[in-house]
C-alpha atoms as a PDB file:
ATOM      1  CA  MET A   1      23.167  -8.120 -37.761  1.00  0.00           C
ATOM      2  CA  THR A   2      23.094  -6.240 -40.603  1.00  0.00           C
ATOM      3  CA  ALA A   3      25.828  -5.398 -43.223  1.00  0.00           C
ATOM      4  CA  ASP A   4      25.626  -1.739 -41.822  1.00  0.00           C
ATOM      5  CA  THR A   5      26.218  -3.149 -37.990  1.00  0.00           C
ATOM      6  CA  LEU A   6      29.094  -5.310 -39.035  1.00  0.00           C
ATOM      7  CA  THR A   7      31.094  -2.956 -41.091  1.00  0.00           C
ATOM      8  CA  THR A   8      30.645  -0.373 -38.401  1.00  0.00           C
ATOM      9  CA  ASP A   9      31.585  -2.773 -35.815  1.00  0.00           C
ATOM     10  CA  SER A  10      34.918  -3.875 -37.672  1.00  0.00           C
ATOM     11  CA  LEU A  11      35.842  -0.400 -38.156  1.00  0.00           C
ATOM     12  CA  ARG A  12      35.736  -0.035 -34.037  1.00  0.00           C
ATOM     13  CA  ASP A  13      37.428  -3.144 -33.766  1.00  0.00           C
ATOM     14  CA  ALA A  14      40.122  -1.511 -36.047  1.00  0.00           C
ATOM     15  CA  ARG A  15      40.356   1.741 -34.444  1.00  0.00           C
ATOM     16  CA  LEU A  16      40.479   0.309 -31.053  1.00  0.00           C
ATOM     17  CA  ARG A  17      43.342  -1.680 -32.286  1.00  0.00           C
ATOM     18  CA  GLU A  18      44.900   1.229 -33.724  1.00  0.00           C
ATOM     19  CA  LEU A  19      44.388   2.947 -30.303  1.00  0.00           C
ATOM     20  CA  ALA A  20      45.742  -0.155 -27.812  1.00  0.00           C
ATOM     21  CA  ALA A  21      48.869  -0.012 -30.205  1.00  0.00           C
ATOM     22  CA  LEU A  22      49.284   3.671 -29.652  1.00  0.00           C
ATOM     23  CA  TYR A  23      49.717   3.346 -25.810  1.00  0.00           C
ATOM     24  CA  PRO A  24      51.248   1.239 -23.486  1.00  0.00           C
ATOM     25  CA  PRO A  25      49.421  -1.522 -21.419  1.00  0.00           C
ATOM     26  CA  PRO A  26      47.041  -0.400 -18.440  1.00  0.00           C
ATOM     27  CA  VAL A  27      48.657  -0.858 -14.952  1.00  0.00           C
ATOM     28  CA  ILE A  28      45.998  -3.424 -13.389  1.00  0.00           C
ATOM     29  CA  ALA A  29      46.222  -1.942 -10.190  1.00  0.00           C
ATOM     30  CA  GLU A  30      45.120   1.091 -11.690  1.00  0.00           C
ATOM     31  CA  TRP A  31      41.922  -0.300 -13.360  1.00  0.00           C
ATOM     32  CA  LEU A  32      41.641  -2.165 -10.193  1.00  0.00           C
ATOM     33  CA  ALA A  33      41.340   1.305  -8.012  1.00  0.00           C
ATOM     34  CA  ASP A  34      39.005   2.567 -10.864  1.00  0.00           C
ATOM     35  CA  ARG A  35      36.618  -0.415 -10.544  1.00  0.00           C
ATOM     36  CA  SER A  36      36.536  -0.245  -6.871  1.00  0.00           C
ATOM     37  CA  TRP A  37      35.460   3.227  -6.752  1.00  0.00           C
ATOM     38  CA  LEU A  38      32.949   2.715  -9.600  1.00  0.00           C
ATOM     39  CA  ASN A  39      31.380  -0.279  -7.061  1.00  0.00           C
ATOM     40  CA  GLU A  40      31.064   1.966  -4.321  1.00  0.00           C
ATOM     41  CA  GLN A  41      29.632   4.935  -6.016  1.00  0.00           C
ATOM     42  CA  MET A  42      26.976   2.110  -6.893  1.00  0.00           C
ATOM     43  CA  ASN A  43      26.581   0.420  -4.067  1.00  0.00           C
ATOM     44  CA  ASP A  44      26.277   4.103  -2.664  1.00  0.00           C
ATOM     45  CA  GLY A  45      23.673   5.430  -4.763  1.00  0.00           C
ATOM     46  CA  ALA A  46      25.577   8.009  -6.405  1.00  0.00           C
ATOM     47  CA  LEU A  47      25.105   6.566 -10.070  1.00  0.00           C
ATOM     48  CA  ALA A  48      21.268   6.337  -9.872  1.00  0.00           C
ATOM     49  CA  ALA A  49      20.778   8.496 -12.579  1.00  0.00           C
ATOM     50  CA  HIS A  50      22.562   6.991 -15.114  1.00  0.00           C
ATOM     51  CA  TYR A  51      20.653   3.413 -14.445  1.00  0.00           C
ATOM     52  CA  GLY A  52      20.220   1.899 -18.211  1.00  0.00           C
ATOM     53  CA  LYS A  53      23.628   3.786 -19.394  1.00  0.00           C
ATOM     54  CA  VAL A  54      27.475   3.071 -19.552  1.00  0.00           C
ATOM     55  CA  VAL A  55      29.534   4.578 -17.518  1.00  0.00           C
ATOM     56  CA  ALA A  56      33.138   5.459 -17.805  1.00  0.00           C
ATOM     57  CA  VAL A  57      35.412   5.892 -15.087  1.00  0.00           C
ATOM     58  CA  TYR A  58      38.910   6.860 -15.014  1.00  0.00           C
ATOM     59  CA  ASN A  59      41.115   7.983 -12.089  1.00  0.00           C
ATOM     60  CA  ARG A  60      38.478   7.752  -9.896  1.00  0.00           C
ATOM     61  CA  ALA A  61      35.800   9.795 -11.625  1.00  0.00           C
ATOM     62  CA  VAL A  62      33.278   9.486 -14.106  1.00  0.00           C
ATOM     63  CA  VAL A  63      34.060  10.683 -17.182  1.00  0.00           C
ATOM     64  CA  GLY A  64      31.362   9.157 -19.682  1.00  0.00           C
ATOM     65  CA  VAL A  65      28.039   8.405 -19.631  1.00  0.00           C
ATOM     66  CA  GLY A  66      26.446   7.001 -22.632  1.00  0.00           C
ATOM     67  CA  ASP A  67      24.589   4.005 -24.832  1.00  0.00           C
ATOM     68  CA  ASN A  68      27.815   2.359 -26.515  1.00  0.00           C
ATOM     69  CA  TYR A  69      30.586   0.789 -24.691  1.00  0.00           C
ATOM     70  CA  LEU A  70      32.885   0.855 -27.489  1.00  0.00           C
ATOM     71  CA  ASP A  71      31.835   4.163 -28.754  1.00  0.00           C
ATOM     72  CA  MET A  72      32.799   5.319 -25.323  1.00  0.00           C
ATOM     73  CA  LEU A  73      36.621   4.097 -25.334  1.00  0.00           C
ATOM     74  CA  LEU A  74      37.066   5.174 -28.781  1.00  0.00           C
ATOM     75  CA  GLU A  75      36.242   8.446 -27.574  1.00  0.00           C
ATOM     76  CA  LEU A  76      38.065   8.691 -24.272  1.00  0.00           C
ATOM     77  CA  SER A  77      40.717   6.669 -25.027  1.00  0.00           C
ATOM     78  CA  PRO A  78      42.492   9.382 -26.830  1.00  0.00           C
ATOM     79  CA  LYS A  79      40.768  12.225 -24.919  1.00  0.00           C
ATOM     80  CA  PHE A  80      42.692  11.050 -22.075  1.00  0.00           C
ATOM     81  CA  GLY A  81      45.643   9.476 -23.744  1.00  0.00           C
ATOM     82  CA  VAL A  82      45.242   6.203 -22.370  1.00  0.00           C
ATOM     83  CA  HIS A  83      45.189   2.251 -23.591  1.00  0.00           C
ATOM     84  CA  PRO A  84      41.231   1.887 -24.392  1.00  0.00           C
ATOM     85  CA  GLU A  85      41.569  -1.056 -21.625  1.00  0.00           C
ATOM     86  CA  ARG A  86      42.220   1.334 -18.852  1.00  0.00           C
ATOM     87  CA  ILE A  87      38.795   2.784 -19.003  1.00  0.00           C
ATOM     88  CA  VAL A  88      36.382   1.188 -16.509  1.00  0.00           C
ATOM     89  CA  ALA A  89      33.316   0.890 -18.332  1.00  0.00           C
ATOM     90  CA  LEU A  90      29.978  -0.492 -17.207  1.00  0.00           C
ATOM     91  CA  TYR A  91      26.651  -0.502 -18.080  1.00  0.00           C
ATOM     92  CA  LEU A  92      24.316  -0.141 -14.788  1.00  0.00           C
ATOM     93  CA  GLY A  93      21.382  -2.263 -15.318  1.00  0.00           C
ATOM     94  CA  GLU A  94      20.120  -5.561 -15.277  1.00  0.00           C
END
């Protein structure tokens, strides 16, 4: 790791802590419903176009596709006004 990576990671961590303090903790049943939906979509091949990317799901919909899990949580948490851990984000690949 480089010094820049450590600085960037530290900034991400600090921002995630800020967002987590702003919003109530996620309801596990809602998160599990989204995770189940994501599994169904993967099994049906509906997400094949996103192989090699991180896919984010909220309320049974794909709300983001990107390269960095943490960056997606940082973007989507305030966008939807939810705790960062409420967003289901998963790397689709090996």
